[in-house]
Amino acid sequence: MPVTSHKYSNEEITVVWQPNLCIHSTICWKGLRQVFDPAVKPWIKVQGATTQTIIEQVRKCPSGALSYFVNNIMEQSAWPDLIKAEQSVITDTEITPNGPMVIGSDHKTIFADGHEQIQKETVSICRCGRSSNKPYCDDSHLSTTVQG
């Protein structure tokens, strides 16, 4: 399926929406209704909040359907802390064939019950559903995966 995108700009940033990636988590509009409102067209109004607020909300999109770029590279100096923070949160994640998802060090895990855990070490997250130590991998996939 070809990637379709829609762009919504103000003077400072452009928000990009790729509907075919959207999983409809509702995080965008429940968190910032004055910008993201699915009841109206166009549903994204970047004039509805400050650029920093929009960036913070777009970064919460779990599917990558929402992204943004700064229209003028010189404008990045207006939000140096936000841009620096964005760069510092990049964590390596590896999807291993027939195995776990390996997440690099220095990350926060938020569990289904809402509790959070800061982790400084690399962890392996179960993808097969067989681990007795969920969400972490205990290598249960090895007993059921054909190795070759």
N, C-alpha and C. Protein backbone atom coordinates (compact mmCIF):
# COMPACT_ATOMS: atom_id res chain seq x y z
N MET A 1 0.85 -1.17 0.00
CA MET A 1 0.00 0.00 0.00
C MET A 1 0.90 1.24 0.00
N PRO A 2 0.66 2.17 -0.91
CA PRO A 2 1.49 3.37 -0.95
C PRO A 2 1.23 4.24 0.28
N VAL A 3 2.29 4.91 0.72
CA VAL A 3 2.19 5.78 1.88
C VAL A 3 1.54 7.10 1.45
N THR A 4 0.43 7.42 2.07
CA THR A 4 -0.27 8.67 1.83
C THR A 4 0.00 9.57 3.03
N SER A 5 0.27 10.83 2.76
CA SER A 5 0.49 11.74 3.88
C SER A 5 -0.22 13.06 3.64
N HIS A 6 -0.57 13.68 4.75
CA HIS A 6 -1.20 14.99 4.73
C HIS A 6 -0.35 15.90 5.60
N LYS A 7 -0.16 17.14 5.16
CA LYS A 7 0.69 18.06 5.90
C LYS A 7 -0.11 19.27 6.34
N TYR A 8 0.14 19.66 7.60
CA TYR A 8 -0.54 20.80 8.21
C TYR A 8 0.53 21.70 8.80
N SER A 9 0.59 22.95 8.33
CA SER A 9 1.68 23.83 8.72
C SER A 9 1.21 25.11 9.40
N ASN A 10 2.06 25.59 10.29
CA ASN A 10 1.97 26.96 10.76
C ASN A 10 3.28 27.61 10.35
N GLU A 11 3.63 28.73 10.89
CA GLU A 11 4.87 29.38 10.47
C GLU A 11 6.11 28.62 10.94
N GLU A 12 5.98 27.83 12.01
CA GLU A 12 7.15 27.22 12.62
C GLU A 12 7.36 25.74 12.28
N ILE A 13 6.29 24.95 12.30
CA ILE A 13 6.42 23.52 12.05
C ILE A 13 5.37 23.02 11.07
N THR A 14 5.63 21.84 10.55
CA THR A 14 4.65 21.12 9.73
C THR A 14 4.41 19.78 10.39
N VAL A 15 3.15 19.49 10.68
CA VAL A 15 2.75 18.18 11.21
C VAL A 15 2.37 17.32 10.02
N VAL A 16 2.91 16.12 9.98
CA VAL A 16 2.64 15.17 8.90
C VAL A 16 1.81 14.03 9.47
N TRP A 17 0.69 13.73 8.80
CA TRP A 17 -0.16 12.61 9.20
C TRP A 17 -0.18 11.59 8.08
N GLN A 18 0.15 10.34 8.40
CA GLN A 18 0.11 9.23 7.46
C GLN A 18 -1.02 8.28 7.91
N PRO A 19 -2.22 8.47 7.36
CA PRO A 19 -3.38 7.72 7.85
C PRO A 19 -3.24 6.21 7.75
N ASN A 20 -2.49 5.71 6.79
CA ASN A 20 -2.37 4.26 6.67
C ASN A 20 -1.49 3.65 7.76
N LEU A 21 -0.79 4.49 8.55
CA LEU A 21 -0.03 4.00 9.69
C LEU A 21 -0.80 4.14 11.00
N CYS A 22 -1.88 4.91 10.98
CA CYS A 22 -2.61 5.24 12.19
C CYS A 22 -3.30 4.01 12.78
N ILE A 23 -3.13 3.79 14.09
CA ILE A 23 -3.79 2.68 14.77
C ILE A 23 -4.96 3.18 15.62
N HIS A 24 -5.29 4.45 15.49
CA HIS A 24 -6.44 5.06 16.15
C HIS A 24 -6.41 4.87 17.67
N SER A 25 -5.24 5.16 18.25
CA SER A 25 -5.09 5.04 19.70
C SER A 25 -5.82 6.16 20.43
N THR A 26 -6.15 7.23 19.75
CA THR A 26 -6.84 8.43 20.26
C THR A 26 -5.98 9.27 21.19
N ILE A 27 -4.71 8.92 21.34
CA ILE A 27 -3.81 9.69 22.21
C ILE A 27 -3.70 11.13 21.73
N CYS A 28 -3.63 11.34 20.44
CA CYS A 28 -3.45 12.69 19.89
C CYS A 28 -4.61 13.60 20.28
N TRP A 29 -5.83 13.19 19.97
CA TRP A 29 -6.94 14.11 20.21
C TRP A 29 -7.41 14.13 21.65
N LYS A 30 -7.21 13.06 22.39
CA LYS A 30 -7.57 13.10 23.81
C LYS A 30 -6.59 13.97 24.59
N GLY A 31 -5.38 14.09 24.09
CA GLY A 31 -4.37 14.88 24.78
C GLY A 31 -4.30 16.33 24.34
N LEU A 32 -4.80 16.65 23.14
CA LEU A 32 -4.68 18.02 22.63
C LEU A 32 -5.81 18.27 21.63
N ARG A 33 -7.03 18.32 22.14
CA ARG A 33 -8.22 18.43 21.29
C ARG A 33 -8.24 19.73 20.48
N GLN A 34 -7.62 20.81 20.99
CA GLN A 34 -7.64 22.07 20.27
C GLN A 34 -6.80 22.01 18.98
N VAL A 35 -5.97 20.99 18.84
CA VAL A 35 -5.19 20.80 17.61
C VAL A 35 -5.71 19.60 16.82
N PHE A 36 -5.96 18.49 17.50
CA PHE A 36 -6.38 17.25 16.85
C PHE A 36 -7.84 17.00 17.18
N ASP A 37 -8.72 17.20 16.20
CA ASP A 37 -10.15 17.05 16.43
C ASP A 37 -10.76 16.26 15.29
N PRO A 38 -10.97 14.94 15.47
CA PRO A 38 -11.49 14.12 14.39
C PRO A 38 -12.93 14.43 14.00
N ALA A 39 -13.60 15.26 14.77
CA ALA A 39 -15.00 15.60 14.46
C ALA A 39 -15.11 16.70 13.42
N VAL A 40 -14.01 17.36 13.07
CA VAL A 40 -14.04 18.44 12.09
C VAL A 40 -13.02 18.18 10.98
N LYS A 41 -13.19 18.86 9.88
CA LYS A 41 -12.25 18.76 8.75
C LYS A 41 -11.70 20.14 8.42
N PRO A 42 -10.44 20.33 8.22
CA PRO A 42 -9.40 19.34 8.47
C PRO A 42 -9.27 19.06 9.95
N TRP A 43 -8.89 17.86 10.29
CA TRP A 43 -8.90 17.44 11.68
C TRP A 43 -7.69 17.92 12.46
N ILE A 44 -6.65 18.41 11.78
CA ILE A 44 -5.47 18.95 12.46
C ILE A 44 -5.42 20.45 12.21
N LYS A 45 -5.40 21.21 13.28
CA LYS A 45 -5.31 22.67 13.22
C LYS A 45 -4.09 23.10 14.04
N VAL A 46 -2.95 23.29 13.38
CA VAL A 46 -1.71 23.60 14.08
C VAL A 46 -1.70 25.01 14.68
N GLN A 47 -2.72 25.79 14.42
CA GLN A 47 -2.83 27.10 15.04
C GLN A 47 -3.46 27.00 16.43
N GLY A 48 -3.87 25.80 16.84
CA GLY A 48 -4.61 25.62 18.08
C GLY A 48 -3.79 25.56 19.35
N ALA A 49 -2.46 25.51 19.23
CA ALA A 49 -1.61 25.43 20.42
C ALA A 49 -0.21 25.92 20.05
N THR A 50 0.64 26.04 21.06
CA THR A 50 2.01 26.47 20.80
C THR A 50 2.76 25.36 20.08
N THR A 51 3.79 25.75 19.38
CA THR A 51 4.61 24.78 18.67
C THR A 51 5.17 23.73 19.62
N GLN A 52 5.67 24.14 20.76
CA GLN A 52 6.24 23.19 21.72
C GLN A 52 5.18 22.19 22.18
N THR A 53 3.98 22.65 22.46
CA THR A 53 2.90 21.77 22.90
C THR A 53 2.54 20.76 21.81
N ILE A 54 2.50 21.22 20.58
CA ILE A 54 2.20 20.33 19.44
C ILE A 54 3.30 19.27 19.30
N ILE A 55 4.55 19.69 19.36
CA ILE A 55 5.66 18.74 19.24
C ILE A 55 5.58 17.68 20.33
N GLU A 56 5.33 18.12 21.56
CA GLU A 56 5.24 17.17 22.67
C GLU A 56 4.12 16.16 22.45
N GLN A 57 2.98 16.60 21.91
CA GLN A 57 1.86 15.69 21.67
C GLN A 57 2.15 14.76 20.50
N VAL A 58 2.71 15.27 19.42
CA VAL A 58 3.03 14.44 18.26
C VAL A 58 3.99 13.32 18.65
N ARG A 59 4.94 13.62 19.54
CA ARG A 59 5.92 12.62 19.96
C ARG A 59 5.29 11.48 20.74
N LYS A 60 4.05 11.63 21.19
CA LYS A 60 3.35 10.57 21.92
C LYS A 60 2.65 9.58 21.00
N CYS A 61 2.62 9.85 19.71
CA CYS A 61 1.94 8.97 18.76
C CYS A 61 2.62 7.60 18.75
N PRO A 62 1.90 6.53 19.10
CA PRO A 62 2.54 5.22 19.21
C PRO A 62 2.81 4.51 17.89
N SER A 63 2.18 4.97 16.81
CA SER A 63 2.32 4.26 15.53
C SER A 63 3.27 4.94 14.56
N GLY A 64 3.62 6.18 14.82
CA GLY A 64 4.43 6.93 13.86
C GLY A 64 3.58 7.58 12.78
N ALA A 65 2.26 7.49 12.90
CA ALA A 65 1.39 8.11 11.91
C ALA A 65 1.51 9.63 11.94
N LEU A 66 1.81 10.19 13.11
CA LEU A 66 2.04 11.62 13.24
C LEU A 66 3.53 11.87 13.41
N SER A 67 4.03 12.83 12.67
CA SER A 67 5.41 13.27 12.82
C SER A 67 5.43 14.76 12.54
N TYR A 68 6.59 15.36 12.65
CA TYR A 68 6.68 16.80 12.37
C TYR A 68 8.07 17.12 11.87
N PHE A 69 8.19 18.28 11.26
CA PHE A 69 9.50 18.83 10.96
C PHE A 69 9.42 20.33 11.14
N VAL A 70 10.57 20.90 11.48
CA VAL A 70 10.68 22.34 11.67
C VAL A 70 10.81 22.97 10.30
N ASN A 71 9.99 23.98 10.01
CA ASN A 71 9.96 24.59 8.68
C ASN A 71 11.24 25.31 8.33
N ASN A 72 11.84 25.97 9.29
CA ASN A 72 13.06 26.73 9.05
C ASN A 72 14.08 26.27 10.07
N ILE A 73 15.18 25.71 9.63
CA ILE A 73 16.18 25.16 10.53
C ILE A 73 16.65 26.19 11.56
N MET A 74 16.61 27.46 11.22
CA MET A 74 17.01 28.51 12.15
C MET A 74 16.03 28.60 13.32
N GLU A 75 14.78 28.19 13.12
CA GLU A 75 13.78 28.26 14.17
C GLU A 75 14.03 27.24 15.27
N GLN A 76 14.85 26.23 15.02
CA GLN A 76 15.13 25.23 16.05
C GLN A 76 15.74 25.88 17.28
N SER A 77 16.43 26.99 17.11
CA SER A 77 17.04 27.65 18.25
C SER A 77 15.98 28.18 19.22
N ALA A 78 14.73 28.29 18.78
CA ALA A 78 13.66 28.74 19.66
C ALA A 78 13.30 27.68 20.70
N TRP A 79 13.61 26.41 20.42
CA TRP A 79 13.27 25.33 21.34
C TRP A 79 14.48 24.43 21.57
N PRO A 80 15.64 24.97 21.94
CA PRO A 80 16.84 24.13 22.04
C PRO A 80 16.69 22.99 23.04
N ASP A 81 16.00 23.24 24.16
CA ASP A 81 15.85 22.18 25.16
C ASP A 81 14.99 21.04 24.62
N LEU A 82 13.93 21.38 23.90
CA LEU A 82 13.04 20.37 23.35
C LEU A 82 13.75 19.53 22.29
N ILE A 83 14.48 20.19 21.39
CA ILE A 83 15.21 19.46 20.34
C ILE A 83 16.28 18.59 20.97
N LYS A 84 17.02 19.12 21.96
CA LYS A 84 18.05 18.34 22.63
C LYS A 84 17.44 17.14 23.34
N ALA A 85 16.31 17.35 24.03
CA ALA A 85 15.64 16.26 24.73
C ALA A 85 15.18 15.20 23.74
N GLU A 86 14.69 15.63 22.58
CA GLU A 86 14.23 14.68 21.57
C GLU A 86 15.38 13.81 21.09
N GLN A 87 16.54 14.40 20.88
CA GLN A 87 17.68 13.64 20.42
C GLN A 87 18.19 12.70 21.50
N SER A 88 18.06 13.08 22.77
CA SER A 88 18.60 12.26 23.84
C SER A 88 17.74 11.06 24.17
N VAL A 89 16.50 11.00 23.70
CA VAL A 89 15.63 9.88 24.03
C VAL A 89 15.70 8.75 23.01
N ILE A 90 16.57 8.85 22.05
CA ILE A 90 16.70 7.79 21.06
C ILE A 90 17.33 6.56 21.70
N THR A 91 16.63 5.45 21.63
CA THR A 91 17.09 4.19 22.20
C THR A 91 17.10 3.15 21.08
N ASP A 92 18.16 2.37 21.02
CA ASP A 92 18.23 1.32 20.01
C ASP A 92 17.26 0.20 20.36
N THR A 93 16.51 -0.25 19.35
CA THR A 93 15.60 -1.38 19.50
C THR A 93 15.85 -2.33 18.34
N GLU A 94 16.03 -3.60 18.66
CA GLU A 94 16.29 -4.60 17.63
C GLU A 94 15.21 -5.67 17.68
N ILE A 95 14.63 -5.97 16.54
CA ILE A 95 13.67 -7.07 16.44
C ILE A 95 14.45 -8.28 15.92
N THR A 96 14.62 -9.29 16.77
CA THR A 96 15.41 -10.44 16.38
C THR A 96 14.53 -11.46 15.67
N PRO A 97 15.05 -12.12 14.63
CA PRO A 97 14.26 -13.12 13.92
C PRO A 97 13.88 -14.27 14.86
N ASN A 98 12.61 -14.62 14.91
CA ASN A 98 12.11 -15.71 15.76
C ASN A 98 12.51 -15.55 17.22
N GLY A 99 12.66 -14.30 17.67
CA GLY A 99 13.08 -14.08 19.05
C GLY A 99 12.52 -12.78 19.60
N PRO A 100 13.11 -12.32 20.68
CA PRO A 100 12.57 -11.16 21.38
C PRO A 100 12.87 -9.83 20.71
N MET A 101 12.25 -8.80 21.23
CA MET A 101 12.58 -7.43 20.87
C MET A 101 13.59 -6.98 21.93
N VAL A 102 14.76 -6.54 21.49
CA VAL A 102 15.83 -6.14 22.39
C VAL A 102 15.88 -4.62 22.43
N ILE A 103 15.69 -4.06 23.63
CA ILE A 103 15.67 -2.62 23.80
C ILE A 103 16.93 -2.20 24.52
N GLY A 104 17.65 -1.22 23.94
CA GLY A 104 18.90 -0.74 24.50
C GLY A 104 18.74 -0.09 25.86
N SER A 105 19.86 0.25 26.45
CA SER A 105 19.86 0.80 27.80
C SER A 105 19.24 2.18 27.88
N ASP A 106 19.02 2.63 29.11
CA ASP A 106 18.46 3.94 29.41
C ASP A 106 17.09 4.15 28.77
N HIS A 107 16.11 3.46 29.29
CA HIS A 107 14.75 3.61 28.81
C HIS A 107 13.77 3.44 29.97
N LYS A 108 12.55 3.86 29.75
CA LYS A 108 11.49 3.71 30.75
C LYS A 108 10.46 2.74 30.20
N THR A 109 10.09 1.77 31.01
CA THR A 109 9.04 0.83 30.66
C THR A 109 7.79 1.21 31.45
N ILE A 110 6.67 1.36 30.77
CA ILE A 110 5.39 1.64 31.41
C ILE A 110 4.54 0.38 31.26
N PHE A 111 4.18 -0.22 32.39
CA PHE A 111 3.45 -1.47 32.40
C PHE A 111 1.94 -1.23 32.26
N ALA A 112 1.19 -2.27 31.92
CA ALA A 112 -0.25 -2.16 31.71
C ALA A 112 -0.98 -1.63 32.94
N ASP A 113 -0.47 -1.92 34.12
CA ASP A 113 -1.12 -1.43 35.34
C ASP A 113 -0.74 0.00 35.69
N GLY A 114 0.12 0.61 34.85
CA GLY A 114 0.48 2.01 35.03
C GLY A 114 1.79 2.26 35.75
N HIS A 115 2.35 1.24 36.41
CA HIS A 115 3.62 1.50 37.08
C HIS A 115 4.76 1.59 36.07
N GLU A 116 5.76 2.37 36.43
CA GLU A 116 6.87 2.64 35.52
C GLU A 116 8.17 2.12 36.12
N GLN A 117 9.08 1.75 35.24
CA GLN A 117 10.38 1.26 35.68
C GLN A 117 11.45 1.86 34.77
N ILE A 118 12.39 2.58 35.37
CA ILE A 118 13.53 3.12 34.63
C ILE A 118 14.58 2.02 34.57
N GLN A 119 15.07 1.75 33.38
CA GLN A 119 16.05 0.68 33.22
C GLN A 119 17.29 1.22 32.53
N LYS A 120 18.42 0.93 33.10
CA LYS A 120 19.70 1.38 32.56
C LYS A 120 20.36 0.29 31.73
N GLU A 121 19.83 -0.93 31.81
CA GLU A 121 20.43 -2.04 31.09
C GLU A 121 19.57 -2.43 29.90
N THR A 122 20.14 -3.20 28.99
CA THR A 122 19.41 -3.72 27.85
C THR A 122 18.46 -4.81 28.32
N VAL A 123 17.26 -4.83 27.77
CA VAL A 123 16.28 -5.86 28.12
C VAL A 123 15.75 -6.52 26.85
N SER A 124 15.26 -7.74 27.00
CA SER A 124 14.64 -8.47 25.90
C SER A 124 13.18 -8.66 26.23
N ILE A 125 12.31 -8.18 25.35
CA ILE A 125 10.87 -8.26 25.54
C ILE A 125 10.32 -9.43 24.73
N CYS A 126 9.50 -10.26 25.38
CA CYS A 126 8.91 -11.43 24.74
C CYS A 126 7.99 -11.00 23.60
N ARG A 127 8.12 -11.67 22.46
CA ARG A 127 7.21 -11.45 21.34
C ARG A 127 6.36 -12.68 21.04
N CYS A 128 6.72 -13.83 21.61
CA CYS A 128 5.98 -15.05 21.29
C CYS A 128 4.80 -15.29 22.22
N GLY A 129 4.81 -14.65 23.39
CA GLY A 129 3.73 -14.81 24.35
C GLY A 129 3.88 -16.00 25.27
N ARG A 130 4.97 -16.73 25.17
CA ARG A 130 5.15 -17.94 25.97
C ARG A 130 5.98 -17.74 27.24
N SER A 131 6.59 -16.60 27.39
CA SER A 131 7.47 -16.36 28.54
C SER A 131 6.72 -16.45 29.85
N SER A 132 7.36 -17.04 30.85
CA SER A 132 6.77 -17.06 32.19
C SER A 132 7.27 -15.86 33.00
N ASN A 133 8.02 -14.99 32.36
CA ASN A 133 8.55 -13.78 33.00
C ASN A 133 8.13 -12.54 32.21
N LYS A 134 6.88 -12.52 31.72
CA LYS A 134 6.41 -11.41 30.90
C LYS A 134 6.50 -10.10 31.66
N PRO A 135 6.85 -9.03 30.98
CA PRO A 135 6.98 -8.89 29.54
C PRO A 135 8.35 -9.31 29.01
N TYR A 136 9.22 -9.80 29.90
CA TYR A 136 10.58 -10.12 29.49
C TYR A 136 10.68 -11.52 28.91
N CYS A 137 11.62 -11.69 28.01
CA CYS A 137 11.86 -12.97 27.35
C CYS A 137 12.59 -13.91 28.30
N ASP A 138 12.16 -15.17 28.36
CA ASP A 138 12.88 -16.19 29.12
C ASP A 138 13.35 -17.31 28.19
N ASP A 139 13.42 -17.04 26.90
CA ASP A 139 13.86 -17.97 25.86
C ASP A 139 12.88 -19.11 25.61
N SER A 140 11.63 -18.97 26.04
CA SER A 140 10.62 -20.00 25.77
C SER A 140 10.42 -20.21 24.27
N HIS A 141 10.68 -19.19 23.48
CA HIS A 141 10.52 -19.32 22.02
C HIS A 141 11.45 -20.38 21.44
N LEU A 142 12.57 -20.65 22.11
CA LEU A 142 13.53 -21.63 21.58
C LEU A 142 12.96 -23.04 21.54
N SER A 143 12.04 -23.35 22.46
CA SER A 143 11.48 -24.70 22.51
C SER A 143 10.39 -24.93 21.46
N THR A 144 9.90 -23.88 20.84
CA THR A 144 8.81 -24.03 19.88
C THR A 144 9.16 -23.51 18.49
N THR A 145 10.28 -22.82 18.35
CA THR A 145 10.67 -22.26 17.07
C THR A 145 11.59 -23.24 16.36
N VAL A 146 11.33 -23.47 15.09
CA VAL A 146 12.20 -24.31 14.29
C VAL A 146 13.48 -23.55 14.02
N GLN A 147 14.57 -24.06 14.49
CA GLN A 147 15.88 -23.41 14.27
C GLN A 147 16.50 -24.00 13.01
N GLY A 148 17.12 -23.14 12.25
CA GLY A 148 17.68 -23.69 11.02
C GLY A 148 18.89 -23.02 10.56
